[in-house]
Amino acid sequence: MTTYSPQQTLREALDIFFKQYNLGEEGGLNQDWAYLDFKFFRLPFPNTASRKRALIYHDIHHIVTGYKSDWQGEAEIGAWEVSTGCGNHTAAWVLDIGSLLMGVCFFPRKTFRAFIRGKRTLNLYGNTYTKEDLLPMKIEEVQKMLLLNAEQNKQATAKEIFAFIGWTLVSAFTWGLPFAVFYGAILWYIFK
C-alpha cells in the first residue's frame, strides 16, 4: 500500500493512485465502460455521466481517508461516503449503498468504523470545488477541510448506531433483496 505524504498535491497522489490500482489514465474517467474486478473475470458496467461526475471526488476521498481501492477499501469508502452524504450524486449513492452492504457482509467491523468516522467528518460531494480547484491542493489541506485529522476515538453514539442500522437496511432492500430474488430464481429454474 502506498502512503501519501501530506505535502503531496492531489494531482501527484492521484497519479500514484491510478497506477497503483491499474485504473488507467485519469482513473478511467473518460472511458465508456467501468469494470468490477473479480478473481477470475471482469464485470463491465456503463461509465455513466453521473458516475463520471462523482468519480474524481470518490478517488480523492480514497486518498485523503487512507482507504484502499480493493474490496475492503471500497466497502469502507462506500460506508464513509453514505454516512457523510453523497448530495446530488446519484451514482455515488447507488454504488456506495451496494458497497455498504458488501462491507457489512464481509468486513463488518471496518465498515462500521468507516461509517461512524463519516458521521463525524465531511466529504467533497456537497462542495463547490471543481476538479481544477482541487488538484493543486495538498492532501493535508483537504484532510483538514474535511475534518479528517480530528480525534475519532470516541465510542459510537446511539444516534450513529441507529443511522448505521438504518442505512444497512436501506442497502439490504435496494441491493440485497433484488440480488437474492434474481439468484433465487436462477437456482429455482436450474433445480426445479
N, C-alpha and C. Protein backbone atom coordinates (compact mmCIF):
# COMPACT_ATOMS: atom_id res chain seq x y z
N MET A 1 0.84 -1.19 0.00
CA MET A 1 0.00 0.00 0.00
C MET A 1 0.88 1.24 0.00
N THR A 2 0.49 2.19 -0.79
CA THR A 2 1.21 3.44 -0.87
C THR A 2 0.76 4.37 0.24
N THR A 3 1.72 4.98 0.89
CA THR A 3 1.41 6.01 1.87
C THR A 3 1.74 7.34 1.22
N TYR A 4 0.79 8.22 1.24
CA TYR A 4 0.97 9.52 0.61
C TYR A 4 1.51 10.50 1.62
N SER A 5 2.35 11.39 1.17
CA SER A 5 2.84 12.46 2.02
C SER A 5 1.76 13.53 2.13
N PRO A 6 1.53 14.04 3.33
CA PRO A 6 0.53 15.10 3.49
C PRO A 6 0.84 16.34 2.65
N GLN A 7 2.12 16.47 2.27
CA GLN A 7 2.54 17.63 1.48
C GLN A 7 2.34 17.43 -0.03
N GLN A 8 2.01 16.22 -0.44
CA GLN A 8 1.77 15.97 -1.86
C GLN A 8 0.50 16.67 -2.31
N THR A 9 0.50 17.08 -3.57
CA THR A 9 -0.74 17.63 -4.13
C THR A 9 -1.66 16.46 -4.49
N LEU A 10 -2.93 16.75 -4.62
CA LEU A 10 -3.87 15.71 -5.03
C LEU A 10 -3.53 15.19 -6.42
N ARG A 11 -3.04 16.06 -7.30
CA ARG A 11 -2.65 15.61 -8.64
C ARG A 11 -1.56 14.56 -8.56
N GLU A 12 -0.53 14.81 -7.74
CA GLU A 12 0.56 13.85 -7.58
C GLU A 12 0.05 12.54 -6.98
N ALA A 13 -0.76 12.66 -5.96
CA ALA A 13 -1.29 11.47 -5.29
C ALA A 13 -2.22 10.67 -6.22
N LEU A 14 -3.05 11.36 -6.98
CA LEU A 14 -3.95 10.67 -7.91
C LEU A 14 -3.17 9.91 -8.98
N ASP A 15 -2.09 10.50 -9.49
CA ASP A 15 -1.27 9.80 -10.48
C ASP A 15 -0.74 8.48 -9.90
N ILE A 16 -0.28 8.52 -8.66
CA ILE A 16 0.22 7.31 -7.99
C ILE A 16 -0.94 6.33 -7.77
N PHE A 17 -2.07 6.82 -7.29
CA PHE A 17 -3.25 6.00 -7.02
C PHE A 17 -3.72 5.28 -8.27
N PHE A 18 -3.82 6.00 -9.39
CA PHE A 18 -4.29 5.38 -10.64
C PHE A 18 -3.34 4.29 -11.11
N LYS A 19 -2.04 4.50 -10.96
CA LYS A 19 -1.06 3.48 -11.36
C LYS A 19 -1.10 2.29 -10.40
N GLN A 20 -1.15 2.57 -9.11
CA GLN A 20 -1.13 1.50 -8.11
C GLN A 20 -2.29 0.53 -8.29
N TYR A 21 -3.46 1.05 -8.61
CA TYR A 21 -4.65 0.20 -8.74
C TYR A 21 -5.02 -0.09 -10.19
N ASN A 22 -4.10 0.21 -11.11
CA ASN A 22 -4.29 -0.10 -12.52
C ASN A 22 -5.62 0.44 -13.05
N LEU A 23 -5.90 1.70 -12.73
CA LEU A 23 -7.18 2.30 -13.11
C LEU A 23 -7.13 3.03 -14.44
N GLY A 24 -5.98 3.08 -15.06
CA GLY A 24 -5.86 3.73 -16.36
C GLY A 24 -5.72 5.24 -16.24
N GLU A 25 -5.60 5.86 -17.40
CA GLU A 25 -5.44 7.31 -17.46
C GLU A 25 -6.64 8.02 -16.83
N GLU A 26 -6.36 8.96 -15.98
CA GLU A 26 -7.40 9.73 -15.26
C GLU A 26 -8.35 8.81 -14.49
N GLY A 27 -7.88 7.63 -14.12
CA GLY A 27 -8.70 6.72 -13.34
C GLY A 27 -9.87 6.13 -14.11
N GLY A 28 -9.80 6.18 -15.45
CA GLY A 28 -10.89 5.66 -16.28
C GLY A 28 -12.03 6.65 -16.46
N LEU A 29 -11.80 7.88 -16.04
CA LEU A 29 -12.84 8.90 -16.08
C LEU A 29 -13.42 9.10 -17.48
N ASN A 30 -12.59 8.99 -18.50
CA ASN A 30 -13.04 9.29 -19.86
C ASN A 30 -13.42 8.04 -20.66
N GLN A 31 -13.47 6.89 -19.97
CA GLN A 31 -13.84 5.66 -20.65
C GLN A 31 -15.36 5.49 -20.68
N ASP A 32 -15.86 4.74 -21.67
CA ASP A 32 -17.30 4.47 -21.77
C ASP A 32 -17.75 3.38 -20.81
N TRP A 33 -16.81 2.51 -20.41
CA TRP A 33 -17.15 1.39 -19.54
C TRP A 33 -16.24 1.40 -18.31
N ALA A 34 -16.80 0.97 -17.20
CA ALA A 34 -16.03 0.73 -15.98
C ALA A 34 -16.08 -0.76 -15.70
N TYR A 35 -15.21 -1.23 -14.83
CA TYR A 35 -15.14 -2.67 -14.59
C TYR A 35 -15.07 -2.97 -13.11
N LEU A 36 -15.77 -4.03 -12.74
CA LEU A 36 -15.70 -4.56 -11.39
C LEU A 36 -14.88 -5.83 -11.50
N ASP A 37 -13.70 -5.83 -10.87
CA ASP A 37 -12.78 -6.96 -10.99
C ASP A 37 -13.02 -8.00 -9.92
N PHE A 38 -13.24 -9.23 -10.39
CA PHE A 38 -13.33 -10.38 -9.52
C PHE A 38 -12.06 -11.20 -9.72
N LYS A 39 -11.91 -12.27 -8.98
CA LYS A 39 -10.66 -13.03 -9.06
C LYS A 39 -10.39 -13.55 -10.47
N PHE A 40 -11.40 -14.07 -11.14
CA PHE A 40 -11.17 -14.71 -12.43
C PHE A 40 -11.83 -14.01 -13.62
N PHE A 41 -12.54 -12.91 -13.39
CA PHE A 41 -13.18 -12.23 -14.50
C PHE A 41 -13.46 -10.77 -14.14
N ARG A 42 -13.79 -10.00 -15.17
CA ARG A 42 -14.15 -8.59 -15.01
C ARG A 42 -15.60 -8.42 -15.44
N LEU A 43 -16.36 -7.71 -14.64
CA LEU A 43 -17.75 -7.43 -14.95
C LEU A 43 -17.85 -5.98 -15.43
N PRO A 44 -18.16 -5.77 -16.71
CA PRO A 44 -18.26 -4.39 -17.21
C PRO A 44 -19.62 -3.77 -16.85
N PHE A 45 -19.62 -2.47 -16.65
CA PHE A 45 -20.86 -1.73 -16.48
C PHE A 45 -20.66 -0.34 -17.06
N PRO A 46 -21.74 0.30 -17.53
CA PRO A 46 -21.60 1.60 -18.19
C PRO A 46 -21.03 2.66 -17.26
N ASN A 47 -20.09 3.41 -17.77
CA ASN A 47 -19.50 4.52 -17.03
C ASN A 47 -20.36 5.76 -17.34
N THR A 48 -21.46 5.85 -16.63
CA THR A 48 -22.47 6.88 -16.92
C THR A 48 -21.95 8.29 -16.61
N ALA A 49 -22.64 9.27 -17.12
CA ALA A 49 -22.28 10.66 -16.84
C ALA A 49 -22.36 10.95 -15.35
N SER A 50 -23.33 10.37 -14.67
CA SER A 50 -23.48 10.55 -13.23
C SER A 50 -22.28 9.97 -12.48
N ARG A 51 -21.82 8.80 -12.89
CA ARG A 51 -20.65 8.19 -12.25
C ARG A 51 -19.41 9.02 -12.52
N LYS A 52 -19.24 9.47 -13.76
CA LYS A 52 -18.07 10.29 -14.10
C LYS A 52 -18.03 11.57 -13.28
N ARG A 53 -19.19 12.15 -13.03
CA ARG A 53 -19.26 13.40 -12.27
C ARG A 53 -18.81 13.19 -10.82
N ALA A 54 -19.11 12.01 -10.27
CA ALA A 54 -18.76 11.71 -8.88
C ALA A 54 -17.36 11.11 -8.72
N LEU A 55 -16.80 10.56 -9.79
CA LEU A 55 -15.59 9.75 -9.69
C LEU A 55 -14.38 10.51 -9.15
N ILE A 56 -14.16 11.74 -9.57
CA ILE A 56 -12.98 12.48 -9.09
C ILE A 56 -13.05 12.67 -7.59
N TYR A 57 -14.24 12.98 -7.08
CA TYR A 57 -14.39 13.15 -5.63
C TYR A 57 -14.16 11.82 -4.91
N HIS A 58 -14.72 10.75 -5.47
CA HIS A 58 -14.57 9.43 -4.88
C HIS A 58 -13.09 9.04 -4.79
N ASP A 59 -12.36 9.24 -5.87
CA ASP A 59 -10.93 8.89 -5.88
C ASP A 59 -10.14 9.75 -4.89
N ILE A 60 -10.46 11.03 -4.82
CA ILE A 60 -9.80 11.89 -3.83
C ILE A 60 -10.14 11.43 -2.42
N HIS A 61 -11.36 11.01 -2.20
CA HIS A 61 -11.75 10.50 -0.89
C HIS A 61 -10.88 9.31 -0.48
N HIS A 62 -10.59 8.41 -1.43
CA HIS A 62 -9.71 7.28 -1.13
C HIS A 62 -8.37 7.79 -0.58
N ILE A 63 -7.83 8.78 -1.23
CA ILE A 63 -6.50 9.29 -0.84
C ILE A 63 -6.53 9.97 0.51
N VAL A 64 -7.49 10.86 0.73
CA VAL A 64 -7.48 11.64 1.97
C VAL A 64 -7.93 10.83 3.19
N THR A 65 -8.73 9.78 2.99
CA THR A 65 -9.16 8.94 4.11
C THR A 65 -8.18 7.81 4.38
N GLY A 66 -7.40 7.42 3.37
CA GLY A 66 -6.48 6.30 3.52
C GLY A 66 -7.09 4.95 3.19
N TYR A 67 -8.34 4.93 2.70
CA TYR A 67 -8.96 3.66 2.34
C TYR A 67 -8.46 3.22 0.96
N LYS A 68 -8.05 1.96 0.87
CA LYS A 68 -7.51 1.42 -0.38
C LYS A 68 -8.61 1.29 -1.44
N SER A 69 -8.20 0.90 -2.64
CA SER A 69 -9.16 0.62 -3.71
C SER A 69 -9.17 -0.88 -3.98
N ASP A 70 -9.39 -1.65 -2.92
CA ASP A 70 -9.61 -3.09 -3.03
C ASP A 70 -11.01 -3.35 -2.48
N TRP A 71 -11.40 -4.59 -2.34
CA TRP A 71 -12.76 -4.88 -1.88
C TRP A 71 -13.04 -4.28 -0.51
N GLN A 72 -12.11 -4.45 0.42
CA GLN A 72 -12.31 -3.90 1.75
C GLN A 72 -12.34 -2.37 1.71
N GLY A 73 -11.41 -1.78 0.98
CA GLY A 73 -11.36 -0.33 0.89
C GLY A 73 -12.59 0.27 0.24
N GLU A 74 -13.13 -0.41 -0.76
CA GLU A 74 -14.36 0.09 -1.40
C GLU A 74 -15.55 0.00 -0.44
N ALA A 75 -15.55 -1.05 0.39
CA ALA A 75 -16.61 -1.15 1.41
C ALA A 75 -16.48 -0.02 2.41
N GLU A 76 -15.25 0.27 2.83
CA GLU A 76 -15.02 1.34 3.80
C GLU A 76 -15.37 2.71 3.21
N ILE A 77 -14.90 2.98 2.01
CA ILE A 77 -15.17 4.30 1.42
C ILE A 77 -16.66 4.43 1.11
N GLY A 78 -17.30 3.33 0.72
CA GLY A 78 -18.75 3.36 0.47
C GLY A 78 -19.51 3.71 1.74
N ALA A 79 -19.14 3.06 2.85
CA ALA A 79 -19.80 3.34 4.13
C ALA A 79 -19.54 4.78 4.56
N TRP A 80 -18.30 5.23 4.41
CA TRP A 80 -17.93 6.59 4.79
C TRP A 80 -18.70 7.62 3.95
N GLU A 81 -18.79 7.39 2.63
CA GLU A 81 -19.48 8.34 1.76
C GLU A 81 -20.99 8.34 2.03
N VAL A 82 -21.59 7.19 2.26
CA VAL A 82 -23.02 7.15 2.61
C VAL A 82 -23.24 7.94 3.89
N SER A 83 -22.38 7.72 4.86
CA SER A 83 -22.53 8.38 6.16
C SER A 83 -22.37 9.89 6.07
N THR A 84 -21.43 10.35 5.24
CA THR A 84 -21.23 11.80 5.09
C THR A 84 -22.23 12.40 4.13
N GLY A 85 -22.85 11.57 3.29
CA GLY A 85 -23.86 12.03 2.34
C GLY A 85 -23.27 12.28 0.96
N CYS A 86 -23.96 11.84 -0.06
CA CYS A 86 -23.47 11.96 -1.43
C CYS A 86 -24.13 13.09 -2.21
N GLY A 87 -24.90 13.93 -1.52
CA GLY A 87 -25.52 15.08 -2.18
C GLY A 87 -26.37 14.67 -3.36
N ASN A 88 -26.18 15.37 -4.47
CA ASN A 88 -26.96 15.07 -5.68
C ASN A 88 -26.21 14.15 -6.65
N HIS A 89 -25.28 13.38 -6.14
CA HIS A 89 -24.52 12.44 -6.96
C HIS A 89 -25.18 11.07 -6.91
N THR A 90 -26.16 10.86 -7.77
CA THR A 90 -26.97 9.64 -7.77
C THR A 90 -26.13 8.38 -7.89
N ALA A 91 -25.17 8.38 -8.81
CA ALA A 91 -24.33 7.20 -8.99
C ALA A 91 -23.56 6.87 -7.72
N ALA A 92 -23.10 7.88 -7.01
CA ALA A 92 -22.37 7.66 -5.76
C ALA A 92 -23.29 6.99 -4.74
N TRP A 93 -24.52 7.49 -4.62
CA TRP A 93 -25.47 6.87 -3.69
C TRP A 93 -25.68 5.40 -4.03
N VAL A 94 -25.99 5.12 -5.29
CA VAL A 94 -26.32 3.75 -5.72
C VAL A 94 -25.14 2.82 -5.48
N LEU A 95 -23.96 3.20 -5.93
CA LEU A 95 -22.79 2.34 -5.80
C LEU A 95 -22.34 2.21 -4.35
N ASP A 96 -22.38 3.31 -3.61
CA ASP A 96 -21.94 3.27 -2.21
C ASP A 96 -22.88 2.46 -1.33
N ILE A 97 -24.17 2.51 -1.60
CA ILE A 97 -25.12 1.70 -0.83
C ILE A 97 -24.84 0.21 -1.07
N GLY A 98 -24.51 -0.14 -2.31
CA GLY A 98 -24.11 -1.53 -2.60
C GLY A 98 -22.81 -1.90 -1.90
N SER A 99 -21.85 -0.97 -1.87
CA SER A 99 -20.58 -1.23 -1.18
C SER A 99 -20.79 -1.39 0.32
N LEU A 100 -21.70 -0.61 0.88
CA LEU A 100 -22.01 -0.71 2.30
C LEU A 100 -22.52 -2.12 2.62
N LEU A 101 -23.43 -2.63 1.80
CA LEU A 101 -23.96 -3.98 2.03
C LEU A 101 -22.86 -5.02 1.94
N MET A 102 -22.00 -4.91 0.93
CA MET A 102 -20.89 -5.84 0.79
C MET A 102 -20.00 -5.77 2.03
N GLY A 103 -19.74 -4.56 2.51
CA GLY A 103 -18.90 -4.39 3.69
C GLY A 103 -19.51 -4.99 4.94
N VAL A 104 -20.82 -4.80 5.10
CA VAL A 104 -21.50 -5.38 6.27
C VAL A 104 -21.39 -6.90 6.24
N CYS A 105 -21.47 -7.49 5.05
CA CYS A 105 -21.39 -8.95 4.92
C CYS A 105 -19.97 -9.49 5.12
N PHE A 106 -18.96 -8.79 4.59
CA PHE A 106 -17.60 -9.35 4.57
C PHE A 106 -16.60 -8.65 5.49
N PHE A 107 -16.82 -7.39 5.80
CA PHE A 107 -15.90 -6.62 6.64
C PHE A 107 -16.70 -5.79 7.65
N PRO A 108 -17.52 -6.42 8.48
CA PRO A 108 -18.47 -5.67 9.29
C PRO A 108 -17.85 -4.64 10.24
N ARG A 109 -16.79 -4.99 10.94
CA ARG A 109 -16.19 -4.04 11.89
C ARG A 109 -15.58 -2.84 11.19
N LYS A 110 -14.83 -3.09 10.15
CA LYS A 110 -14.18 -1.98 9.43
C LYS A 110 -15.22 -1.10 8.74
N THR A 111 -16.27 -1.71 8.23
CA THR A 111 -17.35 -0.95 7.59
C THR A 111 -18.07 -0.08 8.63
N PHE A 112 -18.34 -0.65 9.77
CA PHE A 112 -18.98 0.10 10.85
C PHE A 112 -18.10 1.29 11.27
N ARG A 113 -16.80 1.04 11.47
CA ARG A 113 -15.90 2.12 11.88
C ARG A 113 -15.83 3.23 10.82
N ALA A 114 -15.81 2.83 9.55
CA ALA A 114 -15.78 3.83 8.48
C ALA A 114 -17.06 4.66 8.47
N PHE A 115 -18.20 4.01 8.69
CA PHE A 115 -19.47 4.72 8.73
C PHE A 115 -19.48 5.73 9.88
N ILE A 116 -19.05 5.31 11.06
CA ILE A 116 -19.02 6.20 12.22
C ILE A 116 -18.06 7.35 11.96
N ARG A 117 -16.92 7.08 11.37
CA ARG A 117 -15.97 8.14 11.01
C ARG A 117 -16.65 9.16 10.11
N GLY A 118 -17.44 8.66 9.16
CA GLY A 118 -18.16 9.55 8.26
C GLY A 118 -19.16 10.44 8.95
N LYS A 119 -19.78 9.94 10.00
CA LYS A 119 -20.75 10.76 10.75
C LYS A 119 -20.08 11.96 11.42
N ARG A 120 -18.76 11.89 11.55
CA ARG A 120 -18.01 12.93 12.26
C ARG A 120 -17.16 13.79 11.35
N THR A 121 -17.24 13.53 10.03
CA THR A 121 -16.41 14.27 9.07
C THR A 121 -17.27 14.76 7.92
N LEU A 122 -16.62 15.35 6.95
CA LEU A 122 -17.29 15.88 5.75
C LEU A 122 -16.70 15.20 4.52
N ASN A 123 -17.35 15.40 3.37
CA ASN A 123 -16.77 14.93 2.12
C ASN A 123 -16.86 16.02 1.06
N LEU A 124 -16.43 15.71 -0.14
CA LEU A 124 -16.37 16.70 -1.22
C LEU A 124 -17.62 16.76 -2.08
N TYR A 125 -18.57 15.86 -1.90
CA TYR A 125 -19.75 15.83 -2.77
C TYR A 125 -20.61 17.08 -2.69
N GLY A 126 -20.66 17.71 -1.57
CA GLY A 126 -21.52 18.88 -1.44
C GLY A 126 -20.79 20.21 -1.59
N ASN A 127 -19.55 20.18 -2.03
CA ASN A 127 -18.77 21.42 -2.10
C ASN A 127 -18.89 22.08 -3.47
N THR A 128 -18.28 23.23 -3.59
CA THR A 128 -18.31 23.97 -4.86
C THR A 128 -16.98 23.90 -5.59
N TYR A 129 -16.04 23.08 -5.08
CA TYR A 129 -14.73 22.95 -5.73
C TYR A 129 -14.85 22.13 -7.01
N THR A 130 -14.20 22.59 -8.05
CA THR A 130 -14.11 21.83 -9.29
C THR A 130 -12.85 20.96 -9.22
N LYS A 131 -12.73 20.07 -10.17
CA LYS A 131 -11.53 19.24 -10.27
C LYS A 131 -10.29 20.13 -10.36
N GLU A 132 -10.38 21.18 -11.17
CA GLU A 132 -9.24 22.08 -11.36
C GLU A 132 -8.88 22.81 -10.07
N ASP A 133 -9.87 23.09 -9.22
CA ASP A 133 -9.60 23.72 -7.93
C ASP A 133 -8.89 22.76 -6.99
N LEU A 134 -9.28 21.49 -7.03
CA LEU A 134 -8.79 20.51 -6.05
C LEU A 134 -7.40 19.97 -6.37
N LEU A 135 -7.09 19.74 -7.62
CA LEU A 135 -5.84 19.05 -7.97
C LEU A 135 -4.57 19.71 -7.42
N PRO A 136 -4.46 21.03 -7.41
CA PRO A 136 -3.23 21.61 -6.85
C PRO A 136 -3.20 21.67 -5.31
N MET A 137 -4.30 21.32 -4.66
CA MET A 137 -4.35 21.37 -3.19
C MET A 137 -3.53 20.24 -2.59
N LYS A 138 -2.96 20.49 -1.43
CA LYS A 138 -2.18 19.49 -0.72
C LYS A 138 -3.13 18.55 0.04
N ILE A 139 -2.70 17.31 0.21
CA ILE A 139 -3.52 16.31 0.89
C ILE A 139 -3.92 16.79 2.28
N GLU A 140 -2.96 17.31 3.03
CA GLU A 140 -3.26 17.74 4.40
C GLU A 140 -4.27 18.88 4.44
N GLU A 141 -4.25 19.72 3.41
CA GLU A 141 -5.21 20.83 3.32
C GLU A 141 -6.63 20.30 3.18
N VAL A 142 -6.80 19.29 2.34
CA VAL A 142 -8.12 18.70 2.12
C VAL A 142 -8.55 17.89 3.35
N GLN A 143 -7.62 17.17 3.96
CA GLN A 143 -7.94 16.43 5.18
C GLN A 143 -8.44 17.37 6.28
N LYS A 144 -7.79 18.50 6.42
CA LYS A 144 -8.20 19.47 7.42
C LYS A 144 -9.59 20.03 7.09
N MET A 145 -9.81 20.34 5.81
CA MET A 145 -11.08 20.88 5.36
C MET A 145 -12.23 19.90 5.64
N LEU A 146 -11.95 18.61 5.53
CA LEU A 146 -12.97 17.58 5.72
C LEU A 146 -13.00 17.04 7.16
N LEU A 147 -12.24 17.65 8.04
CA LEU A 147 -12.18 17.29 9.46
C LEU A 147 -11.62 15.89 9.69
N LEU A 148 -10.81 15.40 8.75
CA LEU A 148 -10.29 14.03 8.85
C LEU A 148 -9.16 13.88 9.85
N ASN A 149 -8.55 14.99 10.28
CA ASN A 149 -7.49 14.85 11.28
C ASN A 149 -8.00 15.13 12.69
N ALA A 150 -9.31 15.20 12.86
CA ALA A 150 -9.89 15.37 14.19
C ALA A 150 -9.87 14.04 14.93
N GLU A 151 -9.89 14.09 16.23
CA GLU A 151 -9.90 12.88 17.07
C GLU A 151 -11.14 12.04 16.76
N GLN A 152 -10.94 10.76 16.49
CA GLN A 152 -12.04 9.88 16.11
C GLN A 152 -12.22 8.69 17.06
N ASN A 153 -11.58 8.71 18.20
CA ASN A 153 -11.59 7.54 19.07
C ASN A 153 -12.77 7.45 20.02
N LYS A 154 -13.69 8.39 19.94
CA LYS A 154 -14.87 8.32 20.81
C LYS A 154 -15.73 7.12 20.41
N GLN A 155 -16.42 6.58 21.41
CA GLN A 155 -17.35 5.48 21.11
C GLN A 155 -18.52 5.99 20.28
N ALA A 156 -19.08 5.10 19.50
CA ALA A 156 -20.25 5.45 18.68
C ALA A 156 -21.43 5.78 19.59
N THR A 157 -22.14 6.80 19.22
CA THR A 157 -23.34 7.18 19.97
C THR A 157 -24.52 6.34 19.50
N ALA A 158 -25.61 6.35 20.26
CA ALA A 158 -26.82 5.62 19.88
C ALA A 158 -27.34 6.14 18.53
N LYS A 159 -27.29 7.44 18.35
CA LYS A 159 -27.76 8.04 17.09
C LYS A 159 -26.93 7.53 15.90
N GLU A 160 -25.61 7.43 16.07
CA GLU A 160 -24.74 6.94 15.00
C GLU A 160 -25.01 5.45 14.71
N ILE A 161 -25.23 4.69 15.78
CA ILE A 161 -25.52 3.26 15.61
C ILE A 161 -26.85 3.06 14.88
N PHE A 162 -27.86 3.82 15.25
CA PHE A 162 -29.16 3.71 14.58
C PHE A 162 -29.06 4.14 13.11
N ALA A 163 -28.24 5.15 12.84
CA ALA A 163 -28.03 5.57 11.44
C ALA A 163 -27.39 4.43 10.65
N PHE A 164 -26.42 3.76 11.24
CA PHE A 164 -25.77 2.63 10.57
C PHE A 164 -26.77 1.51 10.30
N ILE A 165 -27.58 1.19 11.29
CA ILE A 165 -28.59 0.14 11.12
C ILE A 165 -29.58 0.54 10.02
N GLY A 166 -30.00 1.79 10.03
CA GLY A 166 -30.93 2.28 9.01
C GLY A 166 -30.37 2.17 7.61
N TRP A 167 -29.14 2.62 7.42
CA TRP A 167 -28.53 2.55 6.09
C TRP A 167 -28.24 1.11 5.68
N THR A 168 -27.95 0.25 6.66
CA THR A 168 -27.76 -1.17 6.35
C THR A 168 -29.07 -1.77 5.83
N LEU A 169 -30.18 -1.40 6.45
CA LEU A 169 -31.49 -1.87 5.98
C LEU A 169 -31.80 -1.34 4.58
N VAL A 170 -31.49 -0.07 4.35
CA VAL A 170 -31.69 0.50 3.01
C VAL A 170 -30.88 -0.29 1.99
N SER A 171 -29.63 -0.58 2.32
CA SER A 171 -28.79 -1.32 1.37
C SER A 171 -29.30 -2.75 1.17
N ALA A 172 -29.82 -3.36 2.24
CA ALA A 172 -30.35 -4.73 2.12
C ALA A 172 -31.56 -4.76 1.19
N PHE A 173 -32.42 -3.76 1.28
CA PHE A 173 -33.63 -3.74 0.44
C PHE A 173 -33.33 -3.29 -0.99
N THR A 174 -32.37 -2.40 -1.18
CA THR A 174 -32.10 -1.91 -2.54
C THR A 174 -31.14 -2.80 -3.31
N TRP A 175 -30.23 -3.48 -2.62
CA TRP A 175 -29.26 -4.34 -3.30
C TRP A 175 -29.44 -5.81 -2.91
N GLY A 176 -29.59 -6.08 -1.64
CA GLY A 176 -29.63 -7.47 -1.18
C GLY A 176 -30.87 -8.22 -1.63
N LEU A 177 -32.03 -7.63 -1.47
CA LEU A 177 -33.28 -8.29 -1.83
C LEU A 177 -33.35 -8.58 -3.34
N PRO A 178 -33.11 -7.60 -4.21
CA PRO A 178 -33.12 -7.92 -5.65
C PRO A 178 -32.09 -8.98 -6.04
N PHE A 179 -30.91 -8.92 -5.42
CA PHE A 179 -29.86 -9.91 -5.68
C PHE A 179 -30.35 -11.30 -5.28
N ALA A 180 -30.94 -11.42 -4.09
CA ALA A 180 -31.43 -12.71 -3.61
C ALA A 180 -32.56 -13.24 -4.49
N VAL A 181 -33.48 -12.38 -4.90
CA VAL A 181 -34.58 -12.79 -5.76
C VAL A 181 -34.06 -13.26 -7.12
N PHE A 182 -33.15 -12.50 -7.70
CA PHE A 182 -32.59 -12.85 -9.02
C PHE A 182 -31.90 -14.21 -8.98
N TYR A 183 -30.98 -14.36 -8.02
CA TYR A 183 -30.25 -15.62 -7.96
C TYR A 183 -31.10 -16.76 -7.43
N GLY A 184 -32.07 -16.45 -6.60
CA GLY A 184 -33.02 -17.47 -6.16
C GLY A 184 -33.82 -18.00 -7.34
N ALA A 185 -34.25 -17.12 -8.24
CA ALA A 185 -34.99 -17.52 -9.43
C ALA A 185 -34.14 -18.40 -10.34
N ILE A 186 -32.87 -18.04 -10.47
CA ILE A 186 -31.97 -18.85 -11.30
C ILE A 186 -31.80 -20.24 -10.69
N LEU A 187 -31.56 -20.30 -9.40
CA LEU A 187 -31.41 -21.59 -8.73
C LEU A 187 -32.70 -22.41 -8.81
N TRP A 188 -33.83 -21.75 -8.64
CA TRP A 188 -35.10 -22.47 -8.75
C TRP A 188 -35.26 -23.05 -10.14
N TYR A 189 -34.92 -22.29 -11.19
CA TYR A 189 -35.04 -22.74 -12.55
C TYR A 189 -34.09 -23.93 -12.82
N ILE A 190 -32.89 -23.85 -12.29
CA ILE A 190 -31.90 -24.92 -12.50
C ILE A 190 -32.32 -26.22 -11.80
N PHE A 191 -32.82 -26.11 -10.58
CA PHE A 191 -33.09 -27.28 -9.78
C PHE A 191 -34.55 -27.71 -9.69
N LYS A 192 -35.42 -27.09 -10.50
CA LYS A 192 -36.84 -27.45 -10.43
C LYS A 192 -37.12 -28.82 -10.96
